[in-house]
Amino acid sequence: MSNEMVNREYKASLFAWIFSDREAALELYNSVNGTDYDDPSELRFNTIEKALYMGMKNDNSFLFAGDMNLYEHQSTYNPNMPLRGVFYFSALYWAYVKEQGLDLYSNARLKLPVPRYIVFYNGSKEMPESEELRLSDSFLKREEQAEGKERPYGEEPALECVVQVLNVNYGHNRKLMEGCRKLQEYAYLVNAIRRRLSEGKTLRAAVDEAVDECIEGNILKEFLLRNRVEVTDVILEEYDEELHIRSEKKLSYEEGRSEGYREGQSKGQNEGREYALVELVARKLRKGKPVEVIAEELETDISQVTRICEAAQSFAPEYDAGQIFAALQARTDK
């Protein structure tokens, strides 16, 4: 399978797409581990397409140098990543055992690659350069359990999963960034989008201008030139839900302007937020999602989503965001 075909299968996440290339993944591995391996052909991807039981995907996982590497990108802080890791690694090791033809009932101890779980965080929450999360932090402590319950075999839990969370916002973890140029350039692109959002620009305008800036500055240039349309769609999809709507919704409430925002009557920045939400809803309508699901996924009041969906009915099945937004504005002006 060609690298381009592999890339297109990873469009759910820009991070996963960029690092689905063996050379990029090896560069990231070397930077994380302080190694200098130089043969990407030895790296073998085993990314989960659909994890058992959970119906969820992971970003990138690969076997290399005796390690079972699980790399996740995260733009919304989630302290439950160790539990997710348990499900991911269970599926990865099950596939490994089957592929290698290993006998779980053998008298000999099986040799397995070492699990390494790294989360690359670039959300808006203030985070240290590095943080360790453990599954055992979620376990009920002795004082939280029923009185009198004994543990005859000691205090050590039978299961553990350790996650190293690395802050990859632009300007953080400089040594890591210097060791992996693509990671540094990815962080720059995200930061360029955020700068424009903070100026009150619509999400699409922020993405378009940030991509132009990166191309002109030779940042992810070849990748962006080759895949600009698809890259833009990916960024809009993941950025909308993960970063923009949540932060902007919070800001709107804090500024006491949420009522005007919901009714589509505010100007300037609030108008940009309204249009961004229309774009989100339109994209989900094109996927055939009902109002209730859209409201839940966007963490937005259902009445607000319903209002947009009603205006969007006249523009099915294309659901052009510009036309929908204009129709909403026309209703407001009446």
C-alpha atoms as a PDB file:
ATOM      1  CA  MET A   1       0.000   0.000   0.000  1.00  0.00           C
ATOM      2  CA  SER A   2       1.408   3.416  -0.974  1.00  0.00           C
ATOM      3  CA  ASN A   3       2.172   6.078   1.594  1.00  0.00           C
ATOM      4  CA  GLU A   4      -0.447   8.367   0.028  1.00  0.00           C
ATOM      5  CA  MET A   5      -3.132   5.688   0.415  1.00  0.00           C
ATOM      6  CA  VAL A   6      -2.130   5.150   4.027  1.00  0.00           C
ATOM      7  CA  ASN A   7      -2.328   8.897   4.661  1.00  0.00           C
ATOM      8  CA  ARG A   8      -5.826   9.107   3.296  1.00  0.00           C
ATOM      9  CA  GLU A   9      -6.965   6.449   5.725  1.00  0.00           C
ATOM     10  CA  TYR A  10      -5.849   8.611   8.624  1.00  0.00           C
ATOM     11  CA  LYS A  11      -7.897  11.682   7.810  1.00  0.00           C
ATOM     12  CA  ALA A  12      -9.733  11.574  11.155  1.00  0.00           C
ATOM     13  CA  SER A  13      -6.709  13.240  12.791  1.00  0.00           C
ATOM     14  CA  LEU A  14      -4.093  15.522  11.267  1.00  0.00           C
ATOM     15  CA  PHE A  15      -1.523  14.339  13.815  1.00  0.00           C
ATOM     16  CA  ALA A  16      -2.177  10.706  12.876  1.00  0.00           C
ATOM     17  CA  TRP A  17      -2.022  11.563   9.181  1.00  0.00           C
ATOM     18  CA  ILE A  18       1.337  13.346   9.437  1.00  0.00           C
ATOM     19  CA  PHE A  19       2.927  10.586  11.495  1.00  0.00           C
ATOM     20  CA  SER A  20       1.504   7.693   9.483  1.00  0.00           C
ATOM     21  CA  ASP A  21       4.666   8.072   7.397  1.00  0.00           C
ATOM     22  CA  ARG A  22       7.431   5.703   8.583  1.00  0.00           C
ATOM     23  CA  GLU A  23      10.188   8.298   8.396  1.00  0.00           C
ATOM     24  CA  ALA A  24       8.123  10.825  10.361  1.00  0.00           C
ATOM     25  CA  ALA A  25       7.166   8.218  12.955  1.00  0.00           C
ATOM     26  CA  LEU A  26      10.799   7.157  13.378  1.00  0.00           C
ATOM     27  CA  GLU A  27      11.911  10.765  13.765  1.00  0.00           C
ATOM     28  CA  LEU A  28       9.279  11.235  16.475  1.00  0.00           C
ATOM     29  CA  TYR A  29      10.302   7.980  18.175  1.00  0.00           C
ATOM     30  CA  ASN A  30      13.962   9.030  18.219  1.00  0.00           C
ATOM     31  CA  SER A  31      13.104  12.429  19.646  1.00  0.00           C
ATOM     32  CA  VAL A  32      10.922  10.966  22.392  1.00  0.00           C
ATOM     33  CA  ASN A  33      13.443   8.295  23.357  1.00  0.00           C
ATOM     34  CA  GLY A  34      16.741  10.074  22.726  1.00  0.00           C
ATOM     35  CA  THR A  35      17.816   7.451  20.180  1.00  0.00           C
ATOM     36  CA  ASP A  36      19.258   7.718  16.674  1.00  0.00           C
ATOM     37  CA  TYR A  37      17.811   4.817  14.696  1.00  0.00           C
ATOM     38  CA  ASP A  38      17.988   5.445  10.950  1.00  0.00           C
ATOM     39  CA  ASP A  39      16.158   2.593   9.207  1.00  0.00           C
ATOM     40  CA  PRO A  40      12.425   3.339   8.953  1.00  0.00           C
ATOM     41  CA  SER A  41      11.809   0.063   7.108  1.00  0.00           C
ATOM     42  CA  GLU A  42      12.142  -1.729  10.452  1.00  0.00           C
ATOM     43  CA  LEU A  43       9.163   0.178  11.841  1.00  0.00           C
ATOM     44  CA  ARG A  44       5.839  -1.644  11.483  1.00  0.00           C
ATOM     45  CA  PHE A  45       2.510   0.060  12.029  1.00  0.00           C
ATOM     46  CA  ASN A  46      -0.206  -1.856  13.858  1.00  0.00           C
ATOM     47  CA  THR A  47      -2.673   0.976  14.466  1.00  0.00           C
ATOM     48  CA  ILE A  48      -6.093  -0.154  15.650  1.00  0.00           C
ATOM     49  CA  GLU A  49      -8.779   0.578  13.113  1.00  0.00           C
ATOM     50  CA  LYS A  50     -11.578  -0.314  15.498  1.00  0.00           C
ATOM     51  CA  ALA A  51     -10.754  -1.339  19.036  1.00  0.00           C
ATOM     52  CA  LEU A  52     -12.497  -4.366  20.476  1.00  0.00           C
ATOM     53  CA  TYR A  53     -15.585  -3.676  22.591  1.00  0.00           C
ATOM     54  CA  MET A  54     -15.170   0.101  22.555  1.00  0.00           C
ATOM     55  CA  GLY A  55     -15.704   1.018  18.905  1.00  0.00           C
ATOM     56  CA  MET A  56     -12.884   3.555  19.133  1.00  0.00           C
ATOM     57  CA  LYS A  57      -9.728   4.172  17.149  1.00  0.00           C
ATOM     58  CA  ASN A  58      -6.245   5.157  18.211  1.00  0.00           C
ATOM     59  CA  ASP A  59      -3.993   7.611  16.405  1.00  0.00           C
ATOM     60  CA  ASN A  60      -0.731   5.749  15.775  1.00  0.00           C
ATOM     61  CA  SER A  61       0.779   2.571  17.105  1.00  0.00           C
ATOM     62  CA  PHE A  62       3.780   0.703  15.803  1.00  0.00           C
ATOM     63  CA  LEU A  63       6.310  -1.971  16.663  1.00  0.00           C
ATOM     64  CA  PHE A  64       9.916  -0.877  16.714  1.00  0.00           C
ATOM     65  CA  ALA A  65      13.110  -1.813  18.565  1.00  0.00           C
ATOM     66  CA  GLY A  66      11.293  -4.253  20.815  1.00  0.00           C
ATOM     67  CA  ASP A  67       8.674  -1.661  21.845  1.00  0.00           C
ATOM     68  CA  MET A  68       4.915  -1.653  21.359  1.00  0.00           C
ATOM     69  CA  ASN A  69       4.468   2.087  20.862  1.00  0.00           C
ATOM     70  CA  LEU A  70       1.085   3.735  21.306  1.00  0.00           C
ATOM     71  CA  TYR A  71       1.062   7.426  20.340  1.00  0.00           C
ATOM     72  CA  GLU A  72      -2.054   9.534  20.869  1.00  0.00           C
ATOM     73  CA  HIS A  73      -2.776  13.157  20.061  1.00  0.00           C
ATOM     74  CA  GLN A  74      -5.009  14.966  22.566  1.00  0.00           C
ATOM     75  CA  SER A  75      -6.446  18.476  22.353  1.00  0.00           C
ATOM     76  CA  THR A  76      -8.881  18.081  25.250  1.00  0.00           C
ATOM     77  CA  TYR A  77      -7.371  17.040  28.565  1.00  0.00           C
ATOM     78  CA  ASN A  78      -8.541  13.587  29.603  1.00  0.00           C
ATOM     79  CA  PRO A  79      -7.243  11.985  32.833  1.00  0.00           C
ATOM     80  CA  ASN A  80      -8.741   8.649  31.755  1.00  0.00           C
ATOM     81  CA  MET A  81      -6.170   7.947  29.040  1.00  0.00           C
ATOM     82  CA  PRO A  82      -4.648   5.086  31.098  1.00  0.00           C
ATOM     83  CA  LEU A  83      -7.982   3.249  31.020  1.00  0.00           C
ATOM     84  CA  ARG A  84      -8.239   3.799  27.282  1.00  0.00           C
ATOM     85  CA  GLY A  85      -4.702   2.444  27.059  1.00  0.00           C
ATOM     86  CA  VAL A  86      -5.775  -0.789  28.728  1.00  0.00           C
ATOM     87  CA  PHE A  87      -8.318  -1.393  25.964  1.00  0.00           C
ATOM     88  CA  TYR A  88      -5.916  -0.340  23.218  1.00  0.00           C
ATOM     89  CA  PHE A  89      -3.048  -2.504  24.446  1.00  0.00           C
ATOM     90  CA  SER A  90      -5.347  -5.452  25.000  1.00  0.00           C
ATOM     91  CA  ALA A  91      -6.369  -5.304  21.343  1.00  0.00           C
ATOM     92  CA  LEU A  92      -2.774  -4.726  20.181  1.00  0.00           C
ATOM     93  CA  TYR A  93      -1.346  -7.649  22.142  1.00  0.00           C
ATOM     94  CA  TRP A  94      -4.189  -9.942  21.120  1.00  0.00           C
ATOM     95  CA  ALA A  95      -3.449  -9.160  17.468  1.00  0.00           C
ATOM     96  CA  TYR A  96       0.290  -9.633  18.095  1.00  0.00           C
ATOM     97  CA  VAL A  97      -0.193 -13.047  19.698  1.00  0.00           C
ATOM     98  CA  LYS A  98      -2.371 -14.228  16.823  1.00  0.00           C
ATOM     99  CA  GLU A  99      -0.040 -12.848  14.156  1.00  0.00           C
ATOM    100  CA  GLN A 100       3.042 -14.417  15.727  1.00  0.00           C
ATOM    101  CA  GLY A 101       1.267 -17.720  16.268  1.00  0.00           C
ATOM    102  CA  LEU A 102       2.081 -17.678  19.988  1.00  0.00           C
ATOM    103  CA  ASP A 103       0.591 -20.303  22.301  1.00  0.00           C
ATOM    104  CA  LEU A 104      -0.977 -18.756  25.396  1.00  0.00           C
ATOM    105  CA  TYR A 105      -1.004 -22.203  27.028  1.00  0.00           C
ATOM    106  CA  SER A 106       2.667 -22.943  26.415  1.00  0.00           C
ATOM    107  CA  ASN A 107       4.897 -24.004  29.305  1.00  0.00           C
ATOM    108  CA  ALA A 108       7.470 -21.481  28.091  1.00  0.00           C
ATOM    109  CA  ARG A 109       7.145 -17.795  28.958  1.00  0.00           C
ATOM    110  CA  LEU A 110       6.120 -15.751  25.937  1.00  0.00           C
ATOM    111  CA  LYS A 111       8.363 -12.857  24.891  1.00  0.00           C
ATOM    112  CA  LEU A 112       6.431  -9.656  24.234  1.00  0.00           C
ATOM    113  CA  PRO A 113       7.350  -6.144  23.064  1.00  0.00           C
ATOM    114  CA  VAL A 114       7.462  -3.533  25.831  1.00  0.00           C
ATOM    115  CA  PRO A 115       4.421  -1.200  25.950  1.00  0.00           C
ATOM    116  CA  ARG A 116       5.216   2.514  25.586  1.00  0.00           C
ATOM    117  CA  TYR A 117       2.288   4.929  25.796  1.00  0.00           C
ATOM    118  CA  ILE A 118       2.797   8.602  24.870  1.00  0.00           C
ATOM    119  CA  VAL A 119       0.105  11.280  24.643  1.00  0.00           C
ATOM    120  CA  PHE A 120       0.972  14.478  22.758  1.00  0.00           C
ATOM    121  CA  TYR A 121      -1.178  17.224  24.258  1.00  0.00           C
ATOM    122  CA  ASN A 122      -1.831  20.557  22.524  1.00  0.00           C
ATOM    123  CA  GLY A 123      -5.043  21.774  24.151  1.00  0.00           C
ATOM    124  CA  SER A 124      -5.697  25.178  25.708  1.00  0.00           C
ATOM    125  CA  LYS A 125      -5.516  23.988  29.323  1.00  0.00           C
ATOM    126  CA  GLU A 126      -2.344  25.004  31.143  1.00  0.00           C
ATOM    127  CA  MET A 127      -0.143  21.933  31.402  1.00  0.00           C
ATOM    128  CA  PRO A 128       3.414  21.156  32.545  1.00  0.00           C
ATOM    129  CA  GLU A 129       6.004  20.082  30.001  1.00  0.00           C
ATOM    130  CA  SER A 130       5.464  16.474  31.036  1.00  0.00           C
ATOM    131  CA  GLU A 131       2.985  14.632  33.216  1.00  0.00           C
ATOM    132  CA  GLU A 132       2.589  10.985  34.153  1.00  0.00           C
ATOM    133  CA  LEU A 133      -0.852   9.422  34.426  1.00  0.00           C
ATOM    134  CA  ARG A 134      -1.402   6.012  36.006  1.00  0.00           C
ATOM    135  CA  LEU A 135      -4.359   3.696  35.877  1.00  0.00           C
ATOM    136  CA  SER A 136      -3.883   2.974  39.574  1.00  0.00           C
ATOM    137  CA  ASP A 137      -4.715   6.623  40.349  1.00  0.00           C
ATOM    138  CA  SER A 138      -8.293   5.773  39.409  1.00  0.00           C
ATOM    139  CA  PHE A 139      -8.553   2.739  41.655  1.00  0.00           C
ATOM    140  CA  LEU A 140     -10.634   2.932  44.823  1.00  0.00           C
ATOM    141  CA  LYS A 141      -8.354   3.428  47.769  1.00  0.00           C
ATOM    142  CA  ARG A 142      -8.590   1.312  50.887  1.00  0.00           C
ATOM    143  CA  GLU A 143     -10.485   4.005  52.799  1.00  0.00           C
ATOM    144  CA  GLU A 144     -13.044   4.224  49.972  1.00  0.00           C
ATOM    145  CA  GLN A 145     -13.843   0.534  50.120  1.00  0.00           C
ATOM    146  CA  ALA A 146     -16.121  -1.328  52.479  1.00  0.00           C
ATOM    147  CA  GLU A 147     -14.809  -1.526  56.024  1.00  0.00           C
ATOM    148  CA  GLY A 148     -13.285  -4.809  57.046  1.00  0.00           C
ATOM    149  CA  LYS A 149     -12.396  -5.862  53.489  1.00  0.00           C
ATOM    150  CA  GLU A 150      -9.001  -7.541  53.609  1.00  0.00           C
ATOM    151  CA  ARG A 151      -6.319  -7.821  50.960  1.00  0.00           C
ATOM    152  CA  PRO A 152      -4.448 -10.994  51.820  1.00  0.00           C
ATOM    153  CA  TYR A 153      -2.042 -10.639  48.890  1.00  0.00           C
ATOM    154  CA  GLY A 154      -0.800  -7.114  49.586  1.00  0.00           C
ATOM    155  CA  GLU A 155      -1.506  -3.624  48.343  1.00  0.00           C
ATOM    156  CA  GLU A 156      -0.038  -3.783  44.834  1.00  0.00           C
ATOM    157  CA  PRO A 157      -2.816  -3.612  42.183  1.00  0.00           C
ATOM    158  CA  ALA A 158      -2.963  -6.451  39.689  1.00  0.00           C
ATOM    159  CA  LEU A 159      -3.088  -4.088  36.714  1.00  0.00           C
ATOM    160  CA  GLU A 160      -1.279  -0.880  35.780  1.00  0.00           C
ATOM    161  CA  CYS A 161      -1.012   1.342  32.709  1.00  0.00           C
ATOM    162  CA  VAL A 162       1.349   4.327  32.637  1.00  0.00           C
ATOM    163  CA  VAL A 163       0.896   7.239  30.215  1.00  0.00           C
ATOM    164  CA  GLN A 164       3.472   9.933  29.569  1.00  0.00           C
ATOM    165  CA  VAL A 165       1.690  13.155  28.579  1.00  0.00           C
ATOM    166  CA  LEU A 166       3.917  15.621  26.699  1.00  0.00           C
ATOM    167  CA  ASN A 167       2.905  19.233  26.157  1.00  0.00           C
ATOM    168  CA  VAL A 168       3.445  19.934  22.458  1.00  0.00           C
ATOM    169  CA  ASN A 169       1.947  23.389  22.296  1.00  0.00           C
ATOM    170  CA  TYR A 170       4.209  25.710  20.336  1.00  0.00           C
ATOM    171  CA  GLY A 171       7.074  26.916  22.535  1.00  0.00           C
ATOM    172  CA  HIS A 172       6.975  23.951  24.905  1.00  0.00           C
ATOM    173  CA  ASN A 173       9.304  20.932  25.117  1.00  0.00           C
ATOM    174  CA  ARG A 174      11.902  22.609  22.943  1.00  0.00           C
ATOM    175  CA  LYS A 175      14.327  19.688  22.987  1.00  0.00           C
ATOM    176  CA  LEU A 176      11.597  17.324  21.805  1.00  0.00           C
ATOM    177  CA  MET A 177      10.597  19.771  19.066  1.00  0.00           C
ATOM    178  CA  GLU A 178      14.176  20.278  17.928  1.00  0.00           C
ATOM    179  CA  GLY A 179      14.530  16.525  17.534  1.00  0.00           C
ATOM    180  CA  CYS A 180      11.396  16.215  15.402  1.00  0.00           C
ATOM    181  CA  ARG A 181      10.845  18.964  12.869  1.00  0.00           C
ATOM    182  CA  LYS A 182       7.419  17.735  11.764  1.00  0.00           C
ATOM    183  CA  LEU A 183       6.151  17.868  15.337  1.00  0.00           C
ATOM    184  CA  GLN A 184       7.463  21.418  15.672  1.00  0.00           C
ATOM    185  CA  GLU A 185       5.818  22.421  12.391  1.00  0.00           C
ATOM    186  CA  TYR A 186       2.537  20.787  13.393  1.00  0.00           C
ATOM    187  CA  ALA A 187       2.614  22.780  16.652  1.00  0.00           C
ATOM    188  CA  TYR A 188       3.314  25.966  14.684  1.00  0.00           C
ATOM    189  CA  LEU A 189       0.298  25.359  12.419  1.00  0.00           C
ATOM    190  CA  VAL A 190      -2.024  24.824  15.393  1.00  0.00           C
ATOM    191  CA  ASN A 191      -0.683  27.971  17.050  1.00  0.00           C
ATOM    192  CA  ALA A 192      -1.167  29.973  13.848  1.00  0.00           C
ATOM    193  CA  ILE A 193      -4.824  28.927  13.748  1.00  0.00           C
ATOM    194  CA  ARG A 194      -5.331  29.864  17.387  1.00  0.00           C
ATOM    195  CA  ARG A 195      -3.808  33.303  16.882  1.00  0.00           C
ATOM    196  CA  ARG A 196      -6.360  34.089  14.209  1.00  0.00           C
ATOM    197  CA  LEU A 197      -9.263  32.703  16.209  1.00  0.00           C
ATOM    198  CA  SER A 198      -8.259  34.973  19.086  1.00  0.00           C
ATOM    199  CA  GLU A 199      -8.563  37.887  16.643  1.00  0.00           C
ATOM    200  CA  GLY A 200     -12.212  36.963  16.083  1.00  0.00           C
ATOM    201  CA  LYS A 201     -11.866  35.369  12.641  1.00  0.00           C
ATOM    202  CA  THR A 202     -14.088  32.526  11.571  1.00  0.00           C
ATOM    203  CA  LEU A 203     -12.625  29.069  11.853  1.00  0.00           C
ATOM    204  CA  ARG A 204     -12.409  28.581   8.099  1.00  0.00           C
ATOM    205  CA  ALA A 205     -10.698  31.930   7.600  1.00  0.00           C
ATOM    206  CA  ALA A 206      -8.297  31.152  10.444  1.00  0.00           C
ATOM    207  CA  VAL A 207      -7.413  27.785   8.913  1.00  0.00           C
ATOM    208  CA  ASP A 208      -7.008  29.141   5.374  1.00  0.00           C
ATOM    209  CA  GLU A 209      -4.755  31.982   6.494  1.00  0.00           C
ATOM    210  CA  ALA A 210      -2.701  29.738   8.793  1.00  0.00           C
ATOM    211  CA  VAL A 211      -2.153  27.226   5.984  1.00  0.00           C
ATOM    212  CA  ASP A 212      -1.053  30.056   3.666  1.00  0.00           C
ATOM    213  CA  GLU A 213       1.360  31.309   6.332  1.00  0.00           C
ATOM    214  CA  CYS A 214       2.870  27.856   6.772  1.00  0.00           C
ATOM    215  CA  ILE A 215       3.302  27.281   3.048  1.00  0.00           C
ATOM    216  CA  GLU A 216       4.995  30.667   2.641  1.00  0.00           C
ATOM    217  CA  GLY A 217       7.230  29.916   5.629  1.00  0.00           C
ATOM    218  CA  ASN A 218       8.199  26.437   4.383  1.00  0.00           C
ATOM    219  CA  ILE A 219       6.364  24.795   7.285  1.00  0.00           C
ATOM    220  CA  LEU A 220       4.814  21.443   6.312  1.00  0.00           C
ATOM    221  CA  LYS A 221       4.959  23.001   2.847  1.00  0.00           C
ATOM    222  CA  GLU A 222       5.005  19.904   0.637  1.00  0.00           C
ATOM    223  CA  PHE A 223       2.406  18.130   2.742  1.00  0.00           C
ATOM    224  CA  LEU A 224       0.040  21.128   2.715  1.00  0.00           C
ATOM    225  CA  LEU A 225       0.493  21.826  -0.993  1.00  0.00           C
ATOM    226  CA  ARG A 226      -0.178  18.202  -1.895  1.00  0.00           C
ATOM    227  CA  ASN A 227      -3.197  17.732   0.373  1.00  0.00           C
ATOM    228  CA  ARG A 228      -4.531  21.225   1.084  1.00  0.00           C
ATOM    229  CA  VAL A 229      -8.245  20.554   0.570  1.00  0.00           C
ATOM    230  CA  GLU A 230      -8.272  17.364   2.613  1.00  0.00           C
ATOM    231  CA  VAL A 231      -6.034  18.847   5.303  1.00  0.00           C
ATOM    232  CA  THR A 232      -8.380  21.806   5.662  1.00  0.00           C
ATOM    233  CA  ASP A 233     -11.362  19.467   6.058  1.00  0.00           C
ATOM    234  CA  VAL A 234      -9.526  17.432   8.696  1.00  0.00           C
ATOM    235  CA  ILE A 235      -8.514  20.516  10.670  1.00  0.00           C
ATOM    236  CA  LEU A 236     -12.037  21.931  10.550  1.00  0.00           C
ATOM    237  CA  GLU A 237     -13.525  18.642  11.739  1.00  0.00           C
ATOM    238  CA  GLU A 238     -11.192  18.047  14.668  1.00  0.00           C
ATOM    239  CA  TYR A 239     -10.531  21.677  15.559  1.00  0.00           C
ATOM    240  CA  ASP A 240     -14.210  22.641  15.555  1.00  0.00           C
ATOM    241  CA  GLU A 241     -15.197  20.139  18.169  1.00  0.00           C
ATOM    242  CA  GLU A 242     -12.024  19.862  20.210  1.00  0.00           C
ATOM    243  CA  LEU A 243     -10.830  23.440  20.511  1.00  0.00           C
ATOM    244  CA  HIS A 244     -12.994  26.126  19.017  1.00  0.00           C
ATOM    245  CA  ILE A 245     -16.570  25.528  20.127  1.00  0.00           C
ATOM    246  CA  ARG A 246     -15.704  24.645  23.714  1.00  0.00           C
ATOM    247  CA  SER A 247     -13.376  27.575  24.291  1.00  0.00           C
ATOM    248  CA  GLU A 248     -15.545  30.046  22.440  1.00  0.00           C
ATOM    249  CA  LYS A 249     -18.694  28.873  24.203  1.00  0.00           C
ATOM    250  CA  LYS A 250     -16.972  29.309  27.547  1.00  0.00           C
ATOM    251  CA  LEU A 251     -15.690  32.745  26.567  1.00  0.00           C
ATOM    252  CA  SER A 252     -19.145  33.785  25.423  1.00  0.00           C
ATOM    253  CA  TYR A 253     -20.731  32.890  28.732  1.00  0.00           C
ATOM    254  CA  GLU A 254     -17.929  34.549  30.698  1.00  0.00           C
ATOM    255  CA  GLU A 255     -18.372  37.761  28.762  1.00  0.00           C
ATOM    256  CA  GLY A 256     -22.100  37.736  29.424  1.00  0.00           C
ATOM    257  CA  ARG A 257     -22.934  37.762  25.735  1.00  0.00           C
ATOM    258  CA  SER A 258     -24.275  34.228  25.380  1.00  0.00           C
ATOM    259  CA  GLU A 259     -27.882  35.320  24.840  1.00  0.00           C
ATOM    260  CA  GLY A 260     -26.972  37.450  21.857  1.00  0.00           C
ATOM    261  CA  TYR A 261     -24.807  34.651  20.531  1.00  0.00           C
ATOM    262  CA  ARG A 262     -27.619  32.103  20.726  1.00  0.00           C
ATOM    263  CA  GLU A 263     -30.062  34.374  18.957  1.00  0.00           C
ATOM    264  CA  GLY A 264     -27.602  35.309  16.202  1.00  0.00           C
ATOM    265  CA  GLN A 265     -27.962  39.024  17.038  1.00  0.00           C
ATOM    266  CA  SER A 266     -24.439  39.841  18.159  1.00  0.00           C
ATOM    267  CA  LYS A 267     -21.843  41.404  15.914  1.00  0.00           C
ATOM    268  CA  GLY A 268     -18.105  41.046  15.334  1.00  0.00           C
ATOM    269  CA  GLN A 269     -16.638  38.071  17.189  1.00  0.00           C
ATOM    270  CA  ASN A 270     -20.015  36.616  18.171  1.00  0.00           C
ATOM    271  CA  GLU A 271     -21.076  36.634  14.527  1.00  0.00           C
ATOM    272  CA  GLY A 272     -17.943  34.639  13.766  1.00  0.00           C
ATOM    273  CA  ARG A 273     -18.824  32.141  16.479  1.00  0.00           C
ATOM    274  CA  GLU A 274     -22.329  31.773  15.071  1.00  0.00           C
ATOM    275  CA  TYR A 275     -20.975  31.089  11.589  1.00  0.00           C
ATOM    276  CA  ALA A 276     -18.471  28.570  12.967  1.00  0.00           C
ATOM    277  CA  LEU A 277     -21.302  26.705  14.685  1.00  0.00           C
ATOM    278  CA  VAL A 278     -23.344  26.737  11.467  1.00  0.00           C
ATOM    279  CA  GLU A 279     -20.389  25.165   9.652  1.00  0.00           C
ATOM    280  CA  LEU A 280     -20.190  22.459  12.302  1.00  0.00           C
ATOM    281  CA  VAL A 281     -23.876  21.644  12.184  1.00  0.00           C
ATOM    282  CA  ALA A 282     -23.901  21.651   8.373  1.00  0.00           C
ATOM    283  CA  ARG A 283     -21.043  19.161   8.250  1.00  0.00           C
ATOM    284  CA  LYS A 284     -22.860  16.815  10.610  1.00  0.00           C
ATOM    285  CA  LEU A 285     -26.131  17.170   8.692  1.00  0.00           C
ATOM    286  CA  ARG A 286     -24.293  16.050   5.557  1.00  0.00           C
ATOM    287  CA  LYS A 287     -23.398  12.908   7.486  1.00  0.00           C
ATOM    288  CA  GLY A 288     -27.073  12.307   8.244  1.00  0.00           C
ATOM    289  CA  LYS A 289     -26.876  12.926  11.986  1.00  0.00           C
ATOM    290  CA  PRO A 290     -30.086  13.895  13.850  1.00  0.00           C
ATOM    291  CA  VAL A 291     -30.510  17.060  15.910  1.00  0.00           C
ATOM    292  CA  GLU A 292     -30.138  15.323  19.277  1.00  0.00           C
ATOM    293  CA  VAL A 293     -26.846  13.691  18.305  1.00  0.00           C
ATOM    294  CA  ILE A 294     -25.445  16.928  16.864  1.00  0.00           C
ATOM    295  CA  ALA A 295     -26.303  18.856  20.032  1.00  0.00           C
ATOM    296  CA  GLU A 296     -24.690  16.195  22.204  1.00  0.00           C
ATOM    297  CA  GLU A 297     -21.503  15.964  20.126  1.00  0.00           C
ATOM    298  CA  LEU A 298     -21.084  19.733  20.031  1.00  0.00           C
ATOM    299  CA  GLU A 299     -22.069  20.162  23.683  1.00  0.00           C
ATOM    300  CA  THR A 300     -24.462  22.881  22.564  1.00  0.00           C
ATOM    301  CA  ASP A 301     -28.023  23.691  23.639  1.00  0.00           C
ATOM    302  CA  ILE A 302     -30.451  21.666  21.528  1.00  0.00           C
ATOM    303  CA  SER A 303     -32.677  24.684  20.846  1.00  0.00           C
ATOM    304  CA  GLN A 304     -29.738  26.437  19.195  1.00  0.00           C
ATOM    305  CA  VAL A 305     -28.947  23.400  17.043  1.00  0.00           C
ATOM    306  CA  THR A 306     -32.645  22.931  16.195  1.00  0.00           C
ATOM    307  CA  ARG A 307     -32.854  26.533  14.989  1.00  0.00           C
ATOM    308  CA  ILE A 308     -29.916  25.992  12.635  1.00  0.00           C
ATOM    309  CA  CYS A 309     -31.254  22.644  11.398  1.00  0.00           C
ATOM    310  CA  GLU A 310     -34.638  24.158  10.590  1.00  0.00           C
ATOM    311  CA  ALA A 311     -32.977  26.856   8.512  1.00  0.00           C
ATOM    312  CA  ALA A 312     -30.790  24.217   6.844  1.00  0.00           C
ATOM    313  CA  GLN A 313     -33.706  22.132   5.530  1.00  0.00           C
ATOM    314  CA  SER A 314     -34.058  24.330   2.450  1.00  0.00           C
ATOM    315  CA  PHE A 315     -30.448  23.680   1.492  1.00  0.00           C
ATOM    316  CA  ALA A 316     -30.339  19.861   1.699  1.00  0.00           C
ATOM    317  CA  PRO A 317     -28.444  17.765   0.812  1.00  0.00           C
ATOM    318  CA  GLU A 318     -25.469  20.112   0.235  1.00  0.00           C
ATOM    319  CA  TYR A 319     -26.144  22.124   3.418  1.00  0.00           C
ATOM    320  CA  ASP A 320     -24.007  25.060   2.328  1.00  0.00           C
ATOM    321  CA  ALA A 321     -22.980  26.878   5.506  1.00  0.00           C
ATOM    322  CA  GLY A 322     -22.985  30.312   3.848  1.00  0.00           C
ATOM    323  CA  GLN A 323     -26.551  29.927   2.620  1.00  0.00           C
ATOM    324  CA  ILE A 324     -27.743  28.607   5.976  1.00  0.00           C
ATOM    325  CA  PHE A 325     -26.081  31.467   7.829  1.00  0.00           C
ATOM    326  CA  ALA A 326     -27.644  34.008   5.462  1.00  0.00           C
ATOM    327  CA  ALA A 327     -31.070  32.450   6.010  1.00  0.00           C
ATOM    328  CA  LEU A 328     -30.617  32.681   9.780  1.00  0.00           C
ATOM    329  CA  GLN A 329     -29.583  36.321   9.506  1.00  0.00           C
ATOM    330  CA  ALA A 330     -32.618  37.055   7.339  1.00  0.00           C
ATOM    331  CA  ARG A 331     -34.913  35.514   9.949  1.00  0.00           C
ATOM    332  CA  THR A 332     -33.289  37.595  12.663  1.00  0.00           C
ATOM    333  CA  ASP A 333     -33.699  40.817  10.695  1.00  0.00           C
ATOM    334  CA  LYS A 334     -37.436  40.334  10.273  1.00  0.00           C
END
